[in-house]
């Protein structure tokens, strides 16, 4: 699973490029923030499976080690991109909305390349169909999950 520093680096690069192209601080800022903070949905899965007393160090160990039976990852979904594009159009192409869509897009692309052999792993509806079962959804990470050590 990509570590935080890789998402920060990718967000910095993509957002910097977006600034060079569009010269919009709103678009750049939204791209940077959403490209990193989409991972906030990991908090729910960690607390649900490992308890609310999980330390920050344990949180990163659990997340990086893929220590889940089920995983919801509410914000990690291609469906949000379609909703974001509709919202972009409806908001007359607001730079903040477009930036958020760009940030989510590059994050999902990076995660899907690294974490999953199946494009649908990042579909909320597909995960629901498979009862959010981690080993089914992210079968490419099974070896990593069961061999991961601190």
Protein backbone atom coordinates (compact mmCIF):
# COMPACT_ATOMS: atom_id res chain seq x y z
CA UNK A 1 0.00 0.00 0.00
CA UNK A 2 1.41 3.42 -0.85
CA UNK A 3 2.69 5.18 2.22
CA UNK A 4 1.71 8.70 3.20
CA UNK A 5 4.94 10.23 1.92
CA UNK A 6 4.25 8.87 -1.59
CA UNK A 7 0.77 10.38 -1.61
CA UNK A 8 2.22 13.70 -0.43
CA UNK A 9 4.84 13.59 -3.19
CA UNK A 10 2.27 12.68 -5.85
CA UNK A 11 -0.14 15.37 -4.63
CA UNK A 12 2.64 17.94 -4.67
CA UNK A 13 3.68 17.02 -8.21
CA UNK A 14 0.18 16.83 -9.68
CA UNK A 15 -1.01 19.97 -7.90
CA UNK A 16 2.11 21.87 -8.95
CA UNK A 17 1.47 20.88 -12.55
CA UNK A 18 -2.16 21.97 -12.21
CA UNK A 19 -0.99 25.38 -10.98
CA UNK A 20 1.36 25.73 -13.96
CA UNK A 21 -1.50 24.91 -16.32
CA UNK A 22 -4.46 26.71 -14.71
CA UNK A 23 -2.81 29.38 -12.49
CA UNK A 24 -5.48 28.78 -9.86
CA UNK A 25 -4.62 28.56 -6.19
CA UNK A 26 -8.09 27.17 -5.43
CA UNK A 27 -7.73 24.32 -7.90
CA UNK A 28 -4.16 23.65 -6.76
CA UNK A 29 -5.04 23.65 -3.06
CA UNK A 30 -8.10 21.44 -3.51
CA UNK A 31 -6.10 18.98 -5.61
CA UNK A 32 -3.32 18.80 -3.03
CA UNK A 33 -5.62 18.41 -0.01
CA UNK A 34 -8.00 15.89 -1.56
CA UNK A 35 -5.10 13.88 -3.00
CA UNK A 36 -3.85 13.23 0.52
CA UNK A 37 -6.84 13.49 2.83
CA UNK A 38 -9.00 11.03 0.90
CA UNK A 39 -7.20 8.55 3.18
CA UNK A 40 -9.15 9.85 6.16
CA UNK A 41 -11.64 7.06 5.45
CA UNK A 42 -9.06 4.58 6.75
CA UNK A 43 -9.80 5.88 10.24
CA UNK A 44 -13.28 4.36 10.20
CA UNK A 45 -11.99 0.93 9.12
CA UNK A 46 -9.18 0.90 11.69
CA UNK A 47 -11.46 1.94 14.57
CA UNK A 48 -14.21 -0.48 13.49
CA UNK A 49 -11.85 -3.47 13.45
CA UNK A 50 -9.18 -2.53 15.99
CA UNK A 51 -10.90 -0.20 18.45
CA UNK A 52 -10.92 3.49 19.21
CA UNK A 53 -7.88 3.26 21.49
CA UNK A 54 -5.59 2.58 18.52
CA UNK A 55 -2.49 4.78 18.63
CA UNK A 56 -1.23 6.70 15.60
CA UNK A 57 1.70 4.30 15.28
CA UNK A 58 -0.69 1.32 15.39
CA UNK A 59 -2.97 3.06 12.88
CA UNK A 60 -0.17 3.27 10.31
CA UNK A 61 0.96 -0.30 11.06
CA UNK A 62 -2.58 -1.61 10.58
CA UNK A 63 -3.18 0.39 7.40
CA UNK A 64 0.17 -0.35 5.78
CA UNK A 65 -0.04 -4.01 6.77
CA UNK A 66 -3.57 -4.33 5.35
CA UNK A 67 -4.78 -5.79 8.65
CA UNK A 68 -8.49 -5.87 7.84
CA UNK A 69 -11.20 -8.50 7.48
CA UNK A 70 -13.57 -6.02 5.87
CA UNK A 71 -12.81 -2.64 4.38
CA UNK A 72 -15.32 0.04 3.48
CA UNK A 73 -13.08 2.92 2.33
CA UNK A 74 -16.02 5.20 1.71
CA UNK A 75 -14.06 7.91 -0.15
CA UNK A 76 -11.97 5.50 -2.25
CA UNK A 77 -14.54 5.05 -5.00
CA UNK A 78 -14.65 5.77 -8.71
CA UNK A 79 -18.29 6.69 -8.21
CA UNK A 80 -17.21 9.91 -6.46
CA UNK A 81 -15.41 10.99 -9.63
CA UNK A 82 -18.62 10.84 -11.61
CA UNK A 83 -20.44 12.76 -8.87
CA UNK A 84 -17.57 15.27 -8.81
CA UNK A 85 -17.74 15.79 -12.55
CA UNK A 86 -21.48 16.41 -12.33
CA UNK A 87 -20.93 18.83 -9.45
CA UNK A 88 -18.16 20.54 -11.45
CA UNK A 89 -20.51 21.05 -14.36
CA UNK A 90 -23.36 22.15 -12.08
CA UNK A 91 -21.06 24.63 -10.27
CA UNK A 92 -19.95 26.17 -13.58
CA UNK A 93 -16.56 24.44 -13.33
CA UNK A 94 -15.66 25.80 -9.91
CA UNK A 95 -11.90 25.47 -9.44
CA UNK A 96 -12.22 24.07 -5.92
CA UNK A 97 -14.52 21.30 -7.11
CA UNK A 98 -12.36 20.51 -10.14
CA UNK A 99 -9.26 20.45 -7.95
CA UNK A 100 -10.91 18.00 -5.55
CA UNK A 101 -11.83 15.73 -8.47
CA UNK A 102 -8.24 15.87 -9.76
CA UNK A 103 -6.84 15.04 -6.32
CA UNK A 104 -9.17 12.11 -5.79
CA UNK A 105 -8.45 10.87 -9.32
CA UNK A 106 -4.68 10.79 -8.97
CA UNK A 107 -4.96 9.18 -5.53
CA UNK A 108 -7.26 6.43 -6.81
CA UNK A 109 -5.08 5.79 -9.85
CA UNK A 110 -2.00 5.46 -7.66
CA UNK A 111 -3.79 3.16 -5.21
CA UNK A 112 -5.35 1.02 -7.93
CA UNK A 113 -2.01 0.49 -9.68
CA UNK A 114 -0.23 -0.40 -6.47
CA UNK A 115 -2.92 -2.25 -4.49
CA UNK A 116 -5.20 -4.07 -6.85
CA UNK A 117 -5.16 -6.17 -9.96
CA UNK A 118 -8.85 -5.36 -10.34
CA UNK A 119 -10.02 -1.89 -11.39
CA UNK A 120 -13.34 -2.57 -9.64
CA UNK A 121 -11.67 -2.81 -6.21
CA UNK A 122 -12.19 0.93 -6.03
CA UNK A 123 -15.87 0.77 -6.85
CA UNK A 124 -18.04 1.23 -3.78
CA UNK A 125 -20.84 -0.78 -5.37
CA UNK A 126 -18.49 -3.65 -6.33
CA UNK A 127 -17.07 -3.78 -2.79
CA UNK A 128 -20.62 -3.82 -1.44
CA UNK A 129 -21.46 -6.71 -3.77
CA UNK A 130 -18.54 -8.61 -2.23
CA UNK A 131 -19.61 -7.74 1.32
CA UNK A 132 -16.55 -5.49 1.77
CA UNK A 133 -14.43 -8.64 2.34
CA UNK A 134 -10.81 -7.44 2.20
CA UNK A 135 -9.26 -10.65 0.86
CA UNK A 136 -11.76 -10.78 -2.00
CA UNK A 137 -11.52 -7.09 -2.89
CA UNK A 138 -7.75 -6.74 -2.57
CA UNK A 139 -6.61 -10.26 -3.39
CA UNK A 140 -3.31 -8.88 -4.70
CA UNK A 141 -2.47 -7.80 -1.13
CA UNK A 142 -3.17 -11.15 0.54
CA UNK A 143 0.49 -12.22 0.63
CA UNK A 144 1.48 -8.79 1.95
CA UNK A 145 -1.27 -8.90 4.57
CA UNK A 146 -0.30 -12.28 5.97
CA UNK A 147 3.47 -11.75 5.82
CA UNK A 148 3.57 -8.18 7.15
CA UNK A 149 5.55 -7.60 10.34
CA UNK A 150 6.23 -4.46 12.36
